[in-house]
């Protein structure tokens, strides 16, 4: 049974027939990710968009810059202002008005065995939410046994046009990982993908296929029909179930193969294309251990380049070589050892960490009942490392750092963000003045950083002549009169 909240997400993010593709523009993953966060921060739910009165109230607030302050601090997308500008009243109104099309599509999909799960569902892969955060798919379409999504898997990727030796190597590696208790996850496409999945199924094991083209078409394939009936296979896709194959979808689905695996094996790769780009992305993000097959002499150009670390930035993870002579025990030990090291990157020094979890935000991609946990990782020095995977070039700025470096530029990343939001808030006030109590209500995170953090940041900005404090006794702040506030706002 599809919940009303899931239906709302479908209206916002999915097509229901091929005729709609040219008539509507559904929300992208980034667009929905931001919209869902904004709705929560302003005490709305996605389902509220189906109520005409609430819909109008939502977009009255959406047009106010101040309503975006909290969501912008949570969702760190590039070109975020463009994303916001593209979410318009007319566009969303048109999407949620497709109720009849939704109803017909659900009947059609369900009669074909297609199920839909959102982020609140227990079978939704936790790795998606952990690593992709607000970029994780709002919904997954699937056929087959969804419980397989939680089982241990090894990913297999490789070129569509593979040779006999590549197929033989694939079969060999699949037999080994099956003997170690792993199933296969791959892309269900021609070549290494389907070869690895079929090998696992022929070994009386299981398989996951992440489909880039239409789920309808894939589920009807003679290769998958019986395993689906036997509950030994699941095919999933974040894309429109009746959609056609596109290179963009093929590239986008690569990350899901990696994130569903404990490690992934590159059987054969060129130096460009989907296999290559997916492997490079995984090494840069350091999601899971990557093993590159060395079953040919000389090695394929892409395989050799991955092993040599070509096109990788300093600090990225390294690929591991796997050969046909490796024993199951050796491979298993290597997987476990490499798995322990993922998330740091070979160029990142090991840091003694302290993990604490703070419940912060409901899972807006599904029901408001599920609360996500934000993990804050601190080194012994108290440095916040939680955002290093997405903000590798930013340096965390603490109030203590501001005290030590009072002359440092206000362009320091976190302080600059705070200053921009502060200018927005001041410009919204009729008297162009804000009190400290108002700031405390708009920036509650300072209570988490420290009780004096807000005072120190404000003091620093006053000393730098970025804001004014007209009366020392009154904790009220404005902008210097000689500076045009509009020139100080940076989107």
Protein backbone atom coordinates (compact mmCIF):
# COMPACT_ATOMS: atom_id res chain seq x y z
CA UNK A 1 0.00 0.00 0.00
CA UNK A 2 1.52 3.30 -1.08
CA UNK A 3 1.26 5.96 1.63
CA UNK A 4 -0.12 9.43 0.92
CA UNK A 5 3.26 10.96 1.66
CA UNK A 6 4.94 8.62 -0.83
CA UNK A 7 2.32 9.56 -3.41
CA UNK A 8 3.17 13.22 -2.88
CA UNK A 9 6.87 12.49 -3.44
CA UNK A 10 5.95 10.59 -6.62
CA UNK A 11 4.01 13.60 -7.89
CA UNK A 12 7.02 15.81 -7.31
CA UNK A 13 9.79 13.56 -8.61
CA UNK A 14 8.45 11.04 -11.15
CA UNK A 15 6.85 10.81 -14.55
CA UNK A 16 3.82 8.53 -14.94
CA UNK A 17 3.82 7.95 -18.70
CA UNK A 18 6.06 8.76 -21.63
CA UNK A 19 3.79 11.60 -22.82
CA UNK A 20 4.55 13.60 -19.68
CA UNK A 21 8.28 13.80 -20.33
CA UNK A 22 7.90 16.76 -22.68
CA UNK A 23 5.09 18.43 -20.73
CA UNK A 24 6.42 18.49 -17.17
CA UNK A 25 9.77 18.90 -15.48
CA UNK A 26 9.87 16.78 -12.35
CA UNK A 27 12.19 17.75 -9.51
CA UNK A 28 15.76 16.53 -9.68
CA UNK A 29 17.39 14.81 -6.71
CA UNK A 30 19.00 18.08 -5.65
CA UNK A 31 15.81 20.07 -6.08
CA UNK A 32 13.73 17.67 -4.05
CA UNK A 33 16.49 17.35 -1.46
CA UNK A 34 16.47 21.06 -0.83
CA UNK A 35 12.68 21.44 -0.99
CA UNK A 36 12.16 18.65 1.55
CA UNK A 37 14.66 20.22 3.94
CA UNK A 38 13.10 23.67 3.52
CA UNK A 39 9.60 22.31 4.17
CA UNK A 40 10.74 20.76 7.43
CA UNK A 41 12.61 23.85 8.58
CA UNK A 42 9.42 25.86 8.07
CA UNK A 43 7.14 23.32 9.78
CA UNK A 44 5.55 21.87 6.64
CA UNK A 45 5.38 18.36 5.18
CA UNK A 46 5.44 17.33 1.52
CA UNK A 47 1.81 16.21 1.78
CA UNK A 48 0.81 19.80 2.65
CA UNK A 49 1.39 20.66 -1.01
CA UNK A 50 -1.82 18.78 -1.84
CA UNK A 51 -3.88 21.23 0.23
CA UNK A 52 -4.72 24.37 -1.76
CA UNK A 53 -4.69 26.71 1.24
CA UNK A 54 -1.45 25.30 2.64
CA UNK A 55 0.07 25.31 -0.86
CA UNK A 56 -0.43 29.07 -1.14
CA UNK A 57 0.94 29.60 2.37
CA UNK A 58 4.00 27.55 1.52
CA UNK A 59 4.88 29.64 -1.51
CA UNK A 60 4.17 32.92 0.24
CA UNK A 61 6.86 31.91 2.69
CA UNK A 62 9.08 30.40 -0.05
CA UNK A 63 9.40 33.84 -1.65
CA UNK A 64 10.84 35.32 1.55
CA UNK A 65 14.63 35.09 1.65
CA UNK A 66 14.67 34.75 5.41
CA UNK A 67 12.73 31.48 5.26
CA UNK A 68 15.71 29.86 3.50
CA UNK A 69 18.36 30.74 6.08
CA UNK A 70 18.12 27.51 8.10
CA UNK A 71 17.76 25.16 5.12
CA UNK A 72 20.74 26.75 3.36
CA UNK A 73 22.91 26.00 6.37
CA UNK A 74 21.90 22.33 6.26
CA UNK A 75 21.94 21.61 2.53
CA UNK A 76 25.33 22.34 1.02
CA UNK A 77 24.73 22.21 -2.75
CA UNK A 78 26.65 24.22 -5.31
CA UNK A 79 24.57 26.80 -7.23
CA UNK A 80 21.92 26.51 -4.52
CA UNK A 81 20.32 29.84 -5.39
CA UNK A 82 19.69 28.57 -8.92
CA UNK A 83 18.09 25.45 -7.48
CA UNK A 84 15.78 27.58 -5.35
CA UNK A 85 14.88 29.84 -8.27
CA UNK A 86 13.90 26.83 -10.39
CA UNK A 87 11.32 25.65 -7.84
CA UNK A 88 8.38 27.87 -8.72
CA UNK A 89 4.72 28.07 -7.75
CA UNK A 90 3.57 27.22 -11.28
CA UNK A 91 5.93 24.27 -11.69
CA UNK A 92 4.99 22.60 -8.40
CA UNK A 93 1.29 23.32 -8.95
CA UNK A 94 1.43 21.52 -12.27
CA UNK A 95 3.26 18.52 -10.81
CA UNK A 96 0.90 17.92 -7.89
CA UNK A 97 -2.16 18.29 -10.15
CA UNK A 98 -1.36 14.98 -11.88
CA UNK A 99 -3.44 12.88 -9.51
CA UNK A 100 -5.27 10.97 -12.24
CA UNK A 101 -2.03 10.05 -14.00
CA UNK A 102 -0.54 8.93 -10.69
CA UNK A 103 -3.50 6.67 -9.95
CA UNK A 104 -3.32 4.97 -13.34
CA UNK A 105 0.44 4.54 -13.12
CA UNK A 106 0.26 2.99 -9.66
CA UNK A 107 -2.33 0.47 -10.85
CA UNK A 108 -0.16 -0.43 -13.83
CA UNK A 109 3.09 -0.68 -11.88
CA UNK A 110 1.62 -2.67 -9.01
CA UNK A 111 -0.04 -5.14 -11.36
CA UNK A 112 3.42 -5.74 -12.87
CA UNK A 113 4.95 -6.38 -9.45
CA UNK A 114 6.72 -3.03 -9.11
CA UNK A 115 7.03 -1.77 -5.57
CA UNK A 116 8.08 1.68 -4.32
CA UNK A 117 9.99 2.43 -1.13
CA UNK A 118 10.91 5.77 0.37
CA UNK A 119 13.69 6.70 2.77
CA UNK A 120 11.65 5.74 5.81
CA UNK A 121 11.20 2.14 4.65
CA UNK A 122 13.28 -0.43 6.59
CA UNK A 123 14.65 -1.89 3.34
CA UNK A 124 15.89 1.45 2.02
CA UNK A 125 19.72 1.19 1.90
CA UNK A 126 21.20 3.00 4.86
CA UNK A 127 24.44 3.61 2.95
CA UNK A 128 22.58 5.89 0.55
CA UNK A 129 21.47 8.17 3.36
CA UNK A 130 24.82 8.02 5.14
CA UNK A 131 26.99 8.97 2.16
CA UNK A 132 24.65 10.87 -0.17
CA UNK A 133 22.62 12.63 2.52
CA UNK A 134 20.21 15.08 0.80
CA UNK A 135 21.33 13.74 -2.57
CA UNK A 136 20.06 10.24 -1.83
CA UNK A 137 17.12 9.16 -4.02
CA UNK A 138 13.76 10.20 -2.61
CA UNK A 139 12.25 6.92 -3.86
CA UNK A 140 13.40 3.56 -5.16
CA UNK A 141 11.37 1.50 -7.63
CA UNK A 142 11.94 -2.22 -7.59
CA UNK A 143 10.84 -5.74 -8.42
CA UNK A 144 11.78 -8.87 -6.54
CA UNK A 145 12.97 -9.50 -3.01
CA UNK A 146 13.72 -6.14 -1.37
CA UNK A 147 15.20 -7.87 1.68
CA UNK A 148 18.29 -8.62 -0.42
CA UNK A 149 19.20 -4.91 -0.27
CA UNK A 150 20.39 -5.42 3.31
CA UNK A 151 22.57 -8.49 2.63
CA UNK A 152 26.35 -8.46 2.15
CA UNK A 153 27.31 -7.86 -1.46
CA UNK A 154 30.36 -7.46 -3.66
CA UNK A 155 29.96 -5.13 -6.61
CA UNK A 156 31.02 -6.04 -10.15
CA UNK A 157 31.57 -3.45 -12.86
CA UNK A 158 33.09 -3.63 -16.31
CA UNK A 159 32.74 -2.84 -19.96
CA UNK A 160 29.73 -3.93 -21.99
CA UNK A 161 31.97 -5.23 -24.78
CA UNK A 162 34.00 -7.74 -22.83
CA UNK A 163 36.10 -10.61 -24.12
CA UNK A 164 35.88 -14.31 -23.27
CA UNK A 165 38.78 -13.93 -20.83
CA UNK A 166 36.85 -11.17 -19.04
CA UNK A 167 33.79 -13.40 -18.69
CA UNK A 168 35.93 -16.24 -17.37
CA UNK A 169 37.59 -13.95 -14.84
CA UNK A 170 34.17 -12.66 -13.77
CA UNK A 171 32.90 -16.20 -13.20
CA UNK A 172 36.02 -17.03 -11.18
CA UNK A 173 35.71 -14.01 -8.88
CA UNK A 174 31.97 -14.56 -8.41
CA UNK A 175 32.56 -18.16 -7.35
CA UNK A 176 35.08 -16.96 -4.77
CA UNK A 177 32.91 -14.23 -3.27
CA UNK A 178 29.87 -16.54 -3.21
CA UNK A 179 31.92 -19.06 -1.24
CA UNK A 180 32.70 -16.29 1.25
CA UNK A 181 29.00 -15.55 1.80
CA UNK A 182 28.61 -12.52 -0.47
CA UNK A 183 26.00 -11.99 -3.17
CA UNK A 184 26.59 -9.91 -6.31
CA UNK A 185 25.43 -6.36 -6.97
CA UNK A 186 25.85 -4.97 -10.47
CA UNK A 187 24.10 -2.99 -13.18
CA UNK A 188 22.12 -5.69 -15.04
CA UNK A 189 23.54 -4.43 -18.34
CA UNK A 190 25.19 -6.35 -21.14
CA UNK A 191 28.73 -7.59 -20.48
CA UNK A 192 30.36 -7.90 -17.06
CA UNK A 193 27.22 -6.68 -15.24
CA UNK A 194 24.84 -9.40 -16.38
CA UNK A 195 27.62 -12.00 -16.48
CA UNK A 196 28.38 -11.51 -12.78
CA UNK A 197 24.73 -11.54 -11.75
CA UNK A 198 23.97 -14.69 -13.75
CA UNK A 199 27.07 -16.41 -12.36
CA UNK A 200 25.91 -15.72 -8.81
CA UNK A 201 22.38 -16.93 -9.55
CA UNK A 202 23.75 -20.06 -11.25
CA UNK A 203 25.74 -20.73 -8.07
CA UNK A 204 22.40 -20.82 -6.18
CA UNK A 205 23.23 -17.46 -4.62
CA UNK A 206 21.49 -14.08 -4.91
CA UNK A 207 21.98 -10.89 -6.88
CA UNK A 208 21.02 -7.21 -6.93
CA UNK A 209 20.68 -5.33 -10.21
CA UNK A 210 20.69 -1.52 -10.28
CA UNK A 211 18.91 -0.73 -13.53
CA UNK A 212 19.69 2.35 -15.62
CA UNK A 213 16.91 1.93 -18.20
CA UNK A 214 13.26 0.98 -17.73
CA UNK A 215 12.57 -1.36 -14.83
CA UNK A 216 9.60 -2.72 -16.80
CA UNK A 217 11.84 -3.84 -19.62
CA UNK A 218 14.47 -5.36 -17.34
CA UNK A 219 11.99 -7.29 -15.22
CA UNK A 220 10.54 -8.94 -18.33
CA UNK A 221 13.94 -10.27 -19.46
CA UNK A 222 14.16 -14.05 -19.68
CA UNK A 223 17.43 -13.88 -17.72
CA UNK A 224 15.72 -12.53 -14.62
CA UNK A 225 12.20 -13.97 -14.75
CA UNK A 226 12.79 -17.18 -12.77
CA UNK A 227 15.22 -15.73 -10.18
CA UNK A 228 12.65 -13.01 -9.46
CA UNK A 229 9.99 -15.66 -8.85
CA UNK A 230 12.42 -17.54 -6.60
CA UNK A 231 13.10 -14.43 -4.48
CA UNK A 232 16.83 -14.66 -5.25
CA UNK A 233 16.99 -11.44 -7.24
CA UNK A 234 16.00 -7.83 -6.79
CA UNK A 235 16.12 -5.18 -9.50
CA UNK A 236 15.98 -1.56 -8.37
CA UNK A 237 16.06 1.85 -9.99
CA UNK A 238 15.67 5.47 -8.86
CA UNK A 239 14.40 6.33 -12.35
CA UNK A 240 10.98 6.33 -14.07
CA UNK A 241 10.10 2.60 -14.41
CA UNK A 242 9.07 2.96 -18.05
CA UNK A 243 11.96 5.18 -19.06
CA UNK A 244 14.46 4.41 -21.78
CA UNK A 245 18.20 4.00 -21.42
CA UNK A 246 20.24 7.19 -21.28
CA UNK A 247 24.00 7.59 -20.72
CA UNK A 248 23.25 10.06 -17.94
CA UNK A 249 21.20 7.49 -16.01
CA UNK A 250 23.89 4.86 -16.55
CA UNK A 251 26.50 7.19 -15.10
CA UNK A 252 24.25 8.23 -12.21
CA UNK A 253 23.46 4.67 -11.15
CA UNK A 254 27.15 3.71 -10.71
CA UNK A 255 27.30 5.20 -7.24
CA UNK A 256 24.44 3.00 -6.07
CA UNK A 257 26.31 -0.17 -7.06
CA UNK A 258 29.30 0.89 -5.00
CA UNK A 259 27.24 1.98 -1.99
CA UNK A 260 25.33 -1.32 -1.93
CA UNK A 261 28.59 -3.27 -1.76
CA UNK A 262 31.19 -4.09 0.86
CA UNK A 263 33.77 -3.81 -1.94
CA UNK A 264 33.64 -3.60 -5.74
CA UNK A 265 35.68 -5.41 -8.40
CA UNK A 266 36.53 -3.73 -11.71
CA UNK A 267 36.90 -6.60 -14.17
CA UNK A 268 37.70 -4.55 -17.24
CA UNK A 269 37.73 -0.82 -17.96
CA UNK A 270 38.78 1.66 -20.56
CA UNK A 271 40.16 5.09 -19.67
CA UNK A 272 36.78 6.75 -20.22
CA UNK A 273 33.13 5.79 -19.98
CA UNK A 274 30.82 4.71 -17.18
CA UNK A 275 33.03 2.03 -15.62
CA UNK A 276 36.02 4.38 -15.47
CA UNK A 277 34.08 7.37 -14.14
CA UNK A 278 32.32 5.28 -11.50
CA UNK A 279 35.60 3.82 -10.24
CA UNK A 280 37.24 7.26 -10.10
CA UNK A 281 34.27 8.70 -8.18
CA UNK A 282 34.42 5.86 -5.66
CA UNK A 283 38.16 6.35 -5.08
CA UNK A 284 37.73 10.11 -4.68
CA UNK A 285 34.85 9.67 -2.23
CA UNK A 286 36.48 6.64 -0.58
CA UNK A 287 33.15 4.84 -0.25
CA UNK A 288 34.22 1.19 -0.46
CA UNK A 289 37.43 -0.74 -1.28
CA UNK A 290 38.10 -1.03 -5.01
CA UNK A 291 39.74 -4.12 -6.51
CA UNK A 292 41.01 -4.07 -10.08
CA UNK A 293 41.47 -7.35 -11.93
CA UNK A 294 44.87 -8.20 -13.39
CA UNK A 295 43.79 -11.28 -15.34
CA UNK A 296 45.30 -10.20 -18.66
CA UNK A 297 48.85 -9.54 -19.82
CA UNK A 298 49.28 -6.76 -20.69
CA UNK A 299 46.57 -5.18 -18.56
CA UNK A 300 43.72 -3.27 -20.15
CA UNK A 301 44.57 0.44 -20.28
CA UNK A 302 41.84 1.43 -17.82
CA UNK A 303 42.73 -1.31 -15.34
CA UNK A 304 46.38 -0.25 -15.36
CA UNK A 305 45.51 3.43 -14.98
CA UNK A 306 43.28 2.72 -11.98
CA UNK A 307 46.03 0.71 -10.31
CA UNK A 308 48.53 3.50 -11.02
CA UNK A 309 46.20 6.15 -9.60
CA UNK A 310 45.89 8.14 -12.83
CA UNK A 311 43.50 11.15 -12.63
CA UNK A 312 43.24 10.92 -8.84
CA UNK A 313 43.86 13.90 -6.55
CA UNK A 314 46.26 13.73 -3.61
CA UNK A 315 44.61 12.02 -0.67
CA UNK A 316 42.25 9.84 -2.70
CA UNK A 317 41.96 6.15 -1.89
CA UNK A 318 44.07 3.64 -3.82
CA UNK A 319 42.85 0.71 -5.90
CA UNK A 320 43.91 -2.81 -4.98
CA UNK A 321 45.03 -5.44 -7.48
CA UNK A 322 43.23 -8.79 -7.61
CA UNK A 323 44.42 -11.79 -9.64
CA UNK A 324 43.09 -15.21 -10.56
CA UNK A 325 45.67 -16.75 -8.20
CA UNK A 326 44.33 -15.05 -5.08
CA UNK A 327 42.79 -17.54 -2.65
CA UNK A 328 39.37 -16.95 -1.11
CA UNK A 329 41.01 -16.43 2.27
CA UNK A 330 43.42 -13.83 0.90
CA UNK A 331 40.64 -11.93 -0.85
CA UNK A 332 38.37 -11.98 2.19
CA UNK A 333 41.15 -10.73 4.46
CA UNK A 334 41.97 -7.96 2.00
CA UNK A 335 38.30 -6.90 1.78
CA UNK A 336 37.98 -6.73 5.55
CA UNK A 337 41.25 -4.84 5.99
CA UNK A 338 40.46 -2.35 3.25
CA UNK A 339 36.91 -1.88 4.53
CA UNK A 340 38.29 -0.71 7.87
CA UNK A 341 40.26 1.99 6.12
CA UNK A 342 37.53 3.41 3.89
CA UNK A 343 36.35 6.90 4.71
CA UNK A 344 39.83 8.26 5.40
CA UNK A 345 41.63 8.08 2.05
CA UNK A 346 45.25 7.06 1.71
CA UNK A 347 46.43 10.64 1.92
CA UNK A 348 44.49 11.47 5.09
CA UNK A 349 46.31 10.93 8.39
CA UNK A 350 44.52 8.72 10.87
CA UNK A 351 42.84 10.75 13.56
CA UNK A 352 41.72 9.55 16.95
CA UNK A 353 38.01 10.25 16.83
CA UNK A 354 35.18 10.67 19.24
CA UNK A 355 31.71 10.00 17.85
CA UNK A 356 28.61 11.68 19.17
CA UNK A 357 25.18 11.69 17.57
CA UNK A 358 22.74 14.56 17.68
CA UNK A 359 19.21 14.08 16.41
CA UNK A 360 18.49 17.03 14.20
CA UNK A 361 16.03 16.57 11.41
CA UNK A 362 13.09 14.44 10.40
CA UNK A 363 13.43 12.31 7.31
CA UNK A 364 11.49 14.49 4.92
CA UNK A 365 11.82 12.17 2.00
CA UNK A 366 9.22 10.00 3.71
CA UNK A 367 7.34 10.41 6.99
CA UNK A 368 7.98 13.10 9.56
CA UNK A 369 8.25 10.41 12.23
CA UNK A 370 11.71 9.22 11.31
CA UNK A 371 14.55 11.33 12.70
CA UNK A 372 17.94 11.32 11.02
CA UNK A 373 21.09 11.42 13.07
CA UNK A 374 23.92 13.78 12.19
CA UNK A 375 27.25 12.38 13.25
CA UNK A 376 29.81 14.86 14.51
CA UNK A 377 33.40 13.59 14.51
CA UNK A 378 35.90 15.45 16.60
CA UNK A 379 39.64 15.01 16.85
CA UNK A 380 41.49 15.29 20.11
CA UNK A 381 41.95 18.98 19.37
CA UNK A 382 38.20 19.47 19.07
CA UNK A 383 38.27 20.01 15.33
CA UNK A 384 34.95 19.23 13.64
CA UNK A 385 35.66 16.75 10.83
CA UNK A 386 32.10 15.77 9.98
CA UNK A 387 31.94 17.69 6.70
CA UNK A 388 35.32 16.75 5.26
CA UNK A 389 33.78 14.50 2.61
CA UNK A 390 31.83 17.37 1.05
CA UNK A 391 33.91 20.40 2.07
CA UNK A 392 37.45 19.19 1.62
CA UNK A 393 38.74 22.64 0.81
CA UNK A 394 37.09 24.38 3.75
CA UNK A 395 38.73 24.78 7.12
CA UNK A 396 36.51 24.66 10.18
CA UNK A 397 36.62 27.97 12.08
CA UNK A 398 35.94 27.96 15.80
CA UNK A 399 35.46 30.93 18.15
CA UNK A 400 38.84 30.08 19.72
CA UNK A 401 40.45 30.41 16.31
CA UNK A 402 38.87 33.83 15.96
CA UNK A 403 40.36 34.94 19.26
CA UNK A 404 43.81 33.75 18.24
CA UNK A 405 43.60 35.37 14.78
CA UNK A 406 41.58 38.53 15.26
CA UNK A 407 42.98 40.14 12.14
CA UNK A 408 42.11 37.18 9.90
CA UNK A 409 39.81 38.00 6.96
CA UNK A 410 36.07 37.70 7.43
CA UNK A 411 36.05 35.50 4.33
CA UNK A 412 36.79 32.47 6.53
CA UNK A 413 34.20 29.92 5.36
CA UNK A 414 31.88 29.44 8.32
CA UNK A 415 32.13 33.00 9.58
CA UNK A 416 31.46 34.31 6.06
CA UNK A 417 28.30 32.18 5.85
CA UNK A 418 27.15 33.47 9.23
CA UNK A 419 27.87 37.06 8.22
CA UNK A 420 25.91 36.73 4.97
CA UNK A 421 22.91 35.31 6.83
CA UNK A 422 23.24 38.03 9.49
CA UNK A 423 23.11 40.73 6.80
CA UNK A 424 19.98 39.15 5.36
CA UNK A 425 18.36 39.12 8.78
CA UNK A 426 19.24 42.75 9.50
CA UNK A 427 17.87 43.86 6.12
CA UNK A 428 14.53 42.22 6.96
CA UNK A 429 14.04 44.39 10.06
CA UNK A 430 12.15 47.67 9.72
CA UNK A 431 14.69 49.52 11.89
CA UNK A 432 17.66 47.63 10.40
CA UNK A 433 18.67 46.48 13.90
CA UNK A 434 18.68 42.98 15.41
CA UNK A 435 18.87 42.03 19.06
CA UNK A 436 20.99 39.22 20.45
CA UNK A 437 17.85 37.40 21.59
CA UNK A 438 16.57 37.42 18.00
CA UNK A 439 19.92 36.09 16.78
CA UNK A 440 19.81 33.29 19.34
CA UNK A 441 16.42 32.20 18.05
CA UNK A 442 17.58 32.22 14.41
CA UNK A 443 20.93 30.55 15.09
CA UNK A 444 20.20 27.89 17.76
CA UNK A 445 23.29 25.91 16.73
CA UNK A 446 25.44 28.31 18.77
CA UNK A 447 24.04 26.61 21.85
CA UNK A 448 25.66 23.41 20.60
CA UNK A 449 29.03 25.02 19.74
CA UNK A 450 29.38 26.85 23.09
CA UNK A 451 27.46 29.32 25.20
CA UNK A 452 29.87 32.17 24.38
CA UNK A 453 30.36 31.39 20.67
CA UNK A 454 27.79 33.87 19.40
CA UNK A 455 29.22 36.69 21.55
CA UNK A 456 32.73 36.02 20.23
CA UNK A 457 31.65 35.97 16.59
CA UNK A 458 29.67 39.20 17.00
CA UNK A 459 32.56 40.85 18.81
CA UNK A 460 34.93 39.89 16.00
CA UNK A 461 32.60 41.33 13.34
CA UNK A 462 32.25 44.59 15.30
CA UNK A 463 36.05 44.87 15.61
CA UNK A 464 36.38 44.31 11.88
CA UNK A 465 33.79 47.09 11.27
CA UNK A 466 31.51 44.61 9.50
CA UNK A 467 28.62 45.31 11.89
CA UNK A 468 27.90 47.98 14.50
CA UNK A 469 26.95 47.84 18.16
CA UNK A 470 25.52 51.37 18.72
CA UNK A 471 25.01 50.97 22.45
CA UNK A 472 27.51 48.84 24.36
CA UNK A 473 24.94 48.09 27.03
CA UNK A 474 22.32 46.96 24.56
CA UNK A 475 23.19 43.85 22.63
CA UNK A 476 21.79 45.17 19.36
CA UNK A 477 23.53 45.09 16.02
CA UNK A 478 23.25 46.80 12.64
CA UNK A 479 25.30 47.47 9.53
CA UNK A 480 27.71 50.42 9.17
CA UNK A 481 25.82 53.30 7.55
CA UNK A 482 28.61 54.00 5.07
CA UNK A 483 28.32 50.56 3.52
CA UNK A 484 25.43 49.52 1.32
CA UNK A 485 24.05 46.32 2.81
CA UNK A 486 23.15 44.93 -0.60
CA UNK A 487 26.81 44.91 -1.60
CA UNK A 488 27.59 42.77 1.41
CA UNK A 489 25.21 39.95 0.59
CA UNK A 490 26.82 37.07 -1.27
CA UNK A 491 24.68 34.25 -2.55
